[in-house]
Structures are given as structure tokens and as C-alpha cells.
Amino acid sequence: MNVKFVVNDYILIWNLLFQASISESIYKFKQKLWQNYKAEYNNTYQDKQNLLKDPKNFIPNDDMIYNLVLEMKDYEKIKKRSESYRLEMMKIWDIHKKESNLCFSQIIKKPFPFYTVYIVDEALDLIDDTTPTTKKESSIILGKKIDKKEPLSSLIQLVYAIVRKELKHLVKEEIAKAIIELAILNEYATRLSGKSYYLTGNPSLSYLKRQLYPYWLMYLGVPKDKMLTYMMRDKIVFDLDKYPYEKELKKMDLEEFIEFCIRNQKYIIQIEQLETI
């Protein structure tokens, strides 16, 4: 998977205007705009879909609100912060790119399109995967604070959001949500970090993930005689004798595996509850 990180003024401004205010001065500025230019402010809100279809060539019908933000005293600081954040994310990506792409291809088993990651101020605290996918590009908006102690978590969050977006036609199913967590928040994170992340994720999906786990190991191509090592690594245990080894699972890509589990969910979730070590 390949990505590029971009700061786009229009996207940054739109999110400053219509996401939660990142400071008191921004809040007051937005209030002033609303009071004095209500119609123009509303029209700017409607720009989102057109803006995200082709950010590079976007020209607003009325750029007055954008220009007022560009002239705002705080905007230059916000833009610089966003640029610094972009460089930090690029550094994290570049450091882990080779290993990340290897892990990704081994776990997902299918190519993903090139992604443009539009960077906004990390104080906005958002990952927006509702951006439209076009023939020209796939994109996502990122503005999440980087954990200085665990910077790898920012990469994991980004990849997780991209995978959810690519499989959004399946994500309405709880099994799909659980498998995407197994793929990225658990296995991908484990391989990149060198320590098990299998007990992390949404607690409401924990039971379902444990039910899926034996099939998940088969999907990863783990031989039956190596499964105990994985169980000990991930602190999940199951009775090997209750699970015939499904050789065909390792030939599937992630989407095919999700569809297999959805089709067979009545069988999968009827197995007696597993125990955590």
C-alpha cells in the first residue's frame, strides 16, 4: 500500500470551520463569521463533497469565507503546525514502510489503491474516511495527535481507517468489524511492534474475535502444529481437536475470508465459549 501526505488549504479551512473548535480564538472567529456572513457560511458547508472529489483543482463558487480564514491571524500558525504534523507522519511512514507493506500484503492478501492522506491540525482529533473515492484517487483526512511514546500507533490507526473504508460495503456486519480488528489492530500491530496486541480493540467485539480466532489462524496459514505458539503469544486458547483444519482459508484474501465467515456465522458462533488465559 502506498500513500502520500498532503496539506490542502481548502480541506484544512473547511475542517477548522465545521469541526469542533480547537481554541477559544477559533470559536470566537467562527461565531463572528456566522453572525456577519450566515448565508456564505452555510454555502461553504455545502462545499465538502465537491471539495473532496478533486481537492487539487477545487475552486469554490464563493471564496469569501476561505479568504477571511486565510487572513486570520491564527491561520498561519495552524498551517505550520499541520505541515509539521505532516512531516512527522511521513517520517513514521518512511521508517516502517518496507515492513508495513510486507505485513499488510501477508495479512490483507489483495492490493489496495494509492491513498492521499489529507493532513489537518492534529488538535482536531479526527480521522475522516467519508471522503468520496473517485477514479483519480482514494483519500482520507487525518488529524490525530501522535503518541510520542508509541508513534507506531498513529500508523496503525491510519491503516485501520483505510482498510475499513475499502471494505465499507461489509462493515455493517459485526463479523466484518471483528475481522478487520483482527487484521489490523491485532495481527498487523503485533507484527510491526513485536508484541501481541490481540487483547486490544473494541471490548464489544472481544467474544466474537475469540470465536473467529481458530479460523483466523488458518486464514493466516499457521500450521496446526504451530497454533499453540500463537495461542500462548496472544493469550487466547481453544481446543485444537474441535477444529478441522480448513486448508482453503489460507488461499483467500481478507474480503473473501470475511464473506466466508458471514456465510458460516451460525456454525462459527455456536461453538462453546473460549477461555482467555
Protein backbone atom coordinates (compact mmCIF):
# COMPACT_ATOMS: atom_id res chain seq x y z
CA MET A 1 0.00 0.00 0.00
CA ASN A 2 1.32 3.43 -0.95
CA VAL A 3 0.29 6.77 0.48
CA LYS A 4 1.24 10.42 0.24
CA PHE A 5 0.64 13.06 2.91
CA VAL A 6 -0.70 16.44 1.79
CA VAL A 7 -1.81 19.66 3.46
CA ASN A 8 -4.54 21.32 1.41
CA ASP A 9 -5.70 24.81 2.45
CA TYR A 10 -9.33 24.27 1.50
CA ILE A 11 -9.62 20.98 3.38
CA LEU A 12 -7.82 22.41 6.41
CA ILE A 13 -10.04 25.50 6.43
CA TRP A 14 -13.26 23.51 5.96
CA ASN A 15 -12.44 21.34 8.95
CA LEU A 16 -11.46 24.31 11.10
CA LEU A 17 -14.84 25.85 10.29
CA PHE A 18 -17.10 22.86 10.70
CA GLN A 19 -15.42 20.54 13.20
CA ALA A 20 -15.17 21.25 16.93
CA SER A 21 -13.28 24.48 17.67
CA ILE A 22 -9.65 23.86 18.59
CA SER A 23 -9.25 27.07 20.62
CA GLU A 24 -11.22 29.92 22.14
CA SER A 25 -9.98 32.33 19.46
CA ILE A 26 -11.13 29.99 16.67
CA TYR A 27 -14.50 29.60 18.35
CA LYS A 28 -14.97 33.37 18.56
CA PHE A 29 -13.84 33.84 14.97
CA LYS A 30 -16.37 31.25 13.77
CA GLN A 31 -19.12 32.93 15.78
CA LYS A 32 -18.26 36.24 14.17
CA LEU A 33 -18.36 34.71 10.69
CA TRP A 34 -21.73 33.14 11.43
CA GLN A 35 -23.20 36.37 12.72
CA ASN A 36 -21.96 38.50 9.83
CA TYR A 37 -22.00 36.10 6.87
CA LYS A 38 -24.64 33.48 7.63
CA ALA A 39 -25.55 32.68 4.01
CA GLU A 40 -21.94 32.48 2.86
CA TYR A 41 -21.06 30.30 5.88
CA ASN A 42 -23.88 27.89 5.05
CA ASN A 43 -22.80 27.76 1.40
CA THR A 44 -19.25 26.92 2.45
CA TYR A 45 -20.55 23.97 4.47
CA GLN A 46 -22.12 22.61 1.28
CA ASP A 47 -18.69 22.59 -0.42
CA LYS A 48 -17.47 19.41 1.26
CA GLN A 49 -18.42 16.82 -1.37
CA ASN A 50 -17.21 18.88 -4.34
CA LEU A 51 -14.05 19.81 -2.47
CA LEU A 52 -13.17 16.21 -1.71
CA LYS A 53 -13.86 14.95 -5.21
CA ASP A 54 -10.84 16.82 -6.55
CA PRO A 55 -9.10 18.91 -3.85
CA LYS A 56 -6.16 19.84 -6.04
CA ASN A 57 -8.38 21.58 -8.61
CA PHE A 58 -11.21 22.72 -6.34
CA ILE A 59 -12.44 26.29 -6.92
CA PRO A 60 -15.28 27.44 -4.64
CA ASN A 61 -18.24 29.27 -6.10
CA ASP A 62 -17.70 31.89 -3.41
CA ASP A 63 -14.28 32.05 -1.75
CA MET A 64 -15.05 34.89 0.64
CA ILE A 65 -15.17 32.71 3.80
CA TYR A 66 -11.99 30.87 2.81
CA ASN A 67 -10.21 34.17 2.23
CA LEU A 68 -11.30 35.51 5.61
CA VAL A 69 -9.81 32.43 7.28
CA LEU A 70 -6.60 32.75 5.28
CA GLU A 71 -6.29 36.33 6.53
CA MET A 72 -6.94 35.32 10.15
CA LYS A 73 -4.02 35.86 12.49
CA ASP A 74 -4.02 32.28 13.81
CA TYR A 75 -4.22 30.56 10.45
CA GLU A 76 -0.51 30.78 9.62
CA LYS A 77 0.32 29.08 12.94
CA ILE A 78 -2.26 26.35 12.30
CA LYS A 79 -0.91 25.76 8.80
CA LYS A 80 2.65 25.48 10.13
CA ARG A 81 1.53 23.02 12.81
CA SER A 82 -0.23 20.97 10.16
CA GLU A 83 2.89 20.96 7.99
CA SER A 84 5.00 19.82 10.96
CA TYR A 85 2.46 17.09 11.68
CA ARG A 86 2.63 16.03 8.02
CA LEU A 87 6.42 15.70 8.24
CA GLU A 88 6.13 13.63 11.42
CA MET A 89 3.63 11.26 9.81
CA MET A 90 5.84 10.98 6.71
CA LYS A 91 8.77 10.08 8.94
CA ILE A 92 6.80 7.36 10.75
CA TRP A 93 5.57 6.01 7.42
CA ASP A 94 9.03 6.02 5.84
CA ILE A 95 10.66 4.30 8.82
CA HIS A 96 8.16 1.44 8.77
CA LYS A 97 7.19 1.43 5.08
CA LYS A 98 9.04 -1.72 3.99
CA GLU A 99 8.00 -3.82 6.97
CA SER A 100 4.49 -2.35 6.98
CA ASN A 101 3.86 -3.18 3.33
CA LEU A 102 5.16 -6.73 3.80
CA CYS A 103 2.89 -7.31 6.81
CA PHE A 104 -0.02 -5.67 5.04
CA SER A 105 0.29 -7.84 1.94
CA GLN A 106 0.64 -11.02 4.02
CA ILE A 107 -2.46 -10.22 6.09
CA ILE A 108 -4.76 -8.49 3.58
CA LYS A 109 -3.60 -10.55 0.56
CA LYS A 110 -5.01 -8.12 -2.01
CA PRO A 111 -3.76 -4.83 -3.48
CA PHE A 112 -5.17 -1.54 -2.25
CA PRO A 113 -5.32 1.69 -4.29
CA PHE A 114 -2.91 4.57 -3.81
CA TYR A 115 -4.12 6.81 -0.98
CA THR A 116 -3.79 10.54 -0.45
CA VAL A 117 -3.87 11.39 3.25
CA TYR A 118 -5.03 14.97 3.71
CA ILE A 119 -3.47 16.29 6.89
CA VAL A 120 -5.31 18.73 9.15
CA ASP A 121 -4.33 20.12 12.54
CA GLU A 122 -3.93 17.23 14.97
CA ALA A 123 -5.84 19.28 17.56
CA LEU A 124 -8.98 18.49 15.53
CA ASP A 125 -8.61 14.88 16.72
CA LEU A 126 -10.23 13.19 13.72
CA ILE A 127 -9.91 10.55 11.06
CA ASP A 128 -12.50 11.15 8.35
CA ASP A 129 -13.00 8.23 5.98
CA THR A 130 -16.19 9.62 4.43
CA THR A 131 -14.21 11.23 1.61
CA PRO A 132 -15.54 10.10 -1.79
CA THR A 133 -13.48 7.60 -3.78
CA THR A 134 -13.05 8.64 -7.40
CA LYS A 135 -11.26 7.25 -10.43
CA LYS A 136 -8.49 9.75 -9.76
CA GLU A 137 -7.75 8.85 -6.16
CA SER A 138 -8.75 7.37 -2.84
CA SER A 139 -8.31 9.65 0.13
CA ILE A 140 -8.76 10.06 3.85
CA ILE A 141 -8.47 13.03 6.23
CA LEU A 142 -6.16 12.67 9.23
CA GLY A 143 -5.76 14.90 12.25
CA LYS A 144 -4.80 12.81 15.29
CA LYS A 145 -2.24 13.61 17.94
CA ILE A 146 0.87 11.43 17.68
CA ASP A 147 1.71 9.47 20.83
CA LYS A 148 5.38 10.31 21.38
CA LYS A 149 5.88 7.11 23.42
CA GLU A 150 4.18 4.90 20.81
CA PRO A 151 4.33 6.73 17.45
CA LEU A 152 3.60 3.44 15.70
CA SER A 153 0.01 3.68 16.97
CA SER A 154 -0.58 6.58 14.55
CA LEU A 155 0.38 4.37 11.60
CA ILE A 156 -1.84 1.55 12.87
CA GLN A 157 -4.82 3.94 13.28
CA LEU A 158 -4.35 5.23 9.75
CA VAL A 159 -4.08 1.79 8.14
CA TYR A 160 -7.09 0.59 10.15
CA ALA A 161 -9.18 3.52 8.87
CA ILE A 162 -8.10 2.85 5.27
CA VAL A 163 -9.00 -0.85 5.48
CA ARG A 164 -12.40 -0.04 6.99
CA LYS A 165 -13.02 2.40 4.17
CA GLU A 166 -12.02 -0.09 1.47
CA LEU A 167 -14.33 -2.71 2.99
CA LYS A 168 -17.14 -0.33 3.92
CA HIS A 169 -19.65 -2.44 1.98
CA LEU A 170 -19.06 -5.19 4.56
CA VAL A 171 -18.51 -3.18 7.74
CA LYS A 172 -22.22 -3.13 8.65
CA GLU A 173 -21.71 -6.78 9.67
CA GLU A 174 -20.32 -7.31 13.18
CA ILE A 175 -18.21 -10.20 11.92
CA ALA A 176 -16.58 -7.89 9.37
CA LYS A 177 -15.77 -5.35 12.10
CA ALA A 178 -14.24 -8.10 14.22
CA ILE A 179 -12.13 -9.48 11.37
CA ILE A 180 -10.81 -6.05 10.39
CA GLU A 181 -9.78 -5.57 14.02
CA LEU A 182 -8.06 -8.97 13.97
CA ALA A 183 -6.29 -7.98 10.75
CA ILE A 184 -5.03 -4.50 11.66
CA LEU A 185 -5.43 -3.66 15.35
CA ASN A 186 -4.28 -7.13 16.35
CA GLU A 187 -2.13 -9.05 13.80
CA TYR A 188 -0.69 -6.10 11.85
CA ALA A 189 0.08 -4.25 15.09
CA THR A 190 1.62 -7.39 16.59
CA ARG A 191 3.92 -7.98 13.63
CA LEU A 192 5.08 -4.36 13.47
CA SER A 193 5.65 -3.96 17.21
CA GLY A 194 6.97 -7.40 18.08
CA LYS A 195 4.48 -7.84 20.94
CA SER A 196 0.94 -9.20 20.93
CA TYR A 197 -1.91 -6.72 20.50
CA TYR A 198 -4.64 -9.36 20.50
CA LEU A 199 -6.29 -8.17 23.70
CA THR A 200 -6.80 -4.65 22.34
CA GLY A 201 -9.70 -3.20 20.35
CA ASN A 202 -13.41 -2.71 20.89
CA PRO A 203 -14.45 -4.70 24.00
CA SER A 204 -17.85 -5.42 22.45
CA LEU A 205 -16.12 -7.42 19.68
CA SER A 206 -13.89 -9.41 22.03
CA TYR A 207 -16.10 -12.51 22.31
CA LEU A 208 -16.69 -12.64 18.57
CA LYS A 209 -12.98 -12.28 17.81
CA ARG A 210 -12.19 -15.17 20.14
CA GLN A 211 -14.74 -17.31 18.30
CA LEU A 212 -13.16 -16.38 14.98
CA TYR A 213 -9.59 -16.82 16.17
CA PRO A 214 -9.06 -20.50 15.16
CA TYR A 215 -10.30 -19.75 11.63
CA TRP A 216 -8.23 -16.58 11.58
CA LEU A 217 -5.06 -18.58 12.25
CA MET A 218 -5.99 -20.92 9.39
CA TYR A 219 -6.54 -17.88 7.16
CA LEU A 220 -3.05 -16.66 8.07
CA GLY A 221 -1.70 -20.07 7.06
CA VAL A 222 -0.50 -21.03 10.54
CA PRO A 223 0.17 -24.83 10.54
CA LYS A 224 -1.80 -26.80 13.10
CA ASP A 225 1.36 -27.77 14.99
CA LYS A 226 2.25 -24.06 15.40
CA MET A 227 -1.13 -22.89 16.67
CA LEU A 228 -0.28 -23.46 20.32
CA THR A 229 2.59 -20.97 19.98
CA TYR A 230 0.15 -18.37 18.66
CA MET A 231 -2.34 -19.13 21.44
CA MET A 232 0.34 -18.52 24.05
CA ARG A 233 1.50 -15.36 22.25
CA ASP A 234 -1.98 -13.90 22.05
CA LYS A 235 -3.34 -15.27 25.36
CA ILE A 236 -6.28 -16.97 23.62
CA VAL A 237 -6.80 -20.70 23.94
CA PHE A 238 -9.07 -23.14 22.14
CA ASP A 239 -9.35 -26.93 21.78
CA LEU A 240 -7.47 -27.82 18.60
CA ASP A 241 -9.31 -31.12 18.28
CA LYS A 242 -12.65 -29.33 17.77
CA TYR A 243 -11.49 -27.53 14.64
CA PRO A 244 -10.79 -29.45 11.43
CA TYR A 245 -8.03 -27.60 9.57
CA GLU A 246 -9.59 -25.67 6.67
CA LYS A 247 -6.76 -25.55 4.12
CA GLU A 248 -8.75 -23.41 1.69
CA LEU A 249 -8.86 -20.45 4.08
CA LYS A 250 -5.22 -19.53 3.54
CA LYS A 251 -5.90 -19.14 -0.19
CA MET A 252 -8.46 -16.39 0.45
CA ASP A 253 -7.86 -12.65 0.66
CA LEU A 254 -9.33 -10.65 3.55
CA GLU A 255 -12.56 -9.78 1.76
CA GLU A 256 -13.14 -13.40 0.76
CA PHE A 257 -12.44 -14.55 4.32
CA ILE A 258 -14.95 -12.06 5.71
CA GLU A 259 -17.57 -13.27 3.24
CA PHE A 260 -16.81 -16.89 4.21
CA CYS A 261 -17.30 -16.10 7.90
CA ILE A 262 -20.53 -14.19 7.25
CA ARG A 263 -21.91 -17.16 5.29
CA ASN A 264 -20.90 -19.60 8.03
CA GLN A 265 -21.50 -17.43 11.08
CA LYS A 266 -24.18 -19.70 12.57
CA TYR A 267 -21.67 -22.52 12.67
CA ILE A 268 -18.79 -20.37 13.89
CA ILE A 269 -20.55 -18.67 16.79
CA GLN A 270 -22.29 -21.85 18.05
CA ILE A 271 -19.00 -23.30 19.25
CA GLU A 272 -18.79 -23.22 23.05
CA GLN A 273 -17.26 -20.12 24.57
CA LEU A 274 -13.47 -19.99 24.54
CA GLU A 275 -11.41 -19.09 27.56
CA THR A 276 -8.77 -16.39 27.87
CA ILE A 277 -5.59 -17.44 29.64
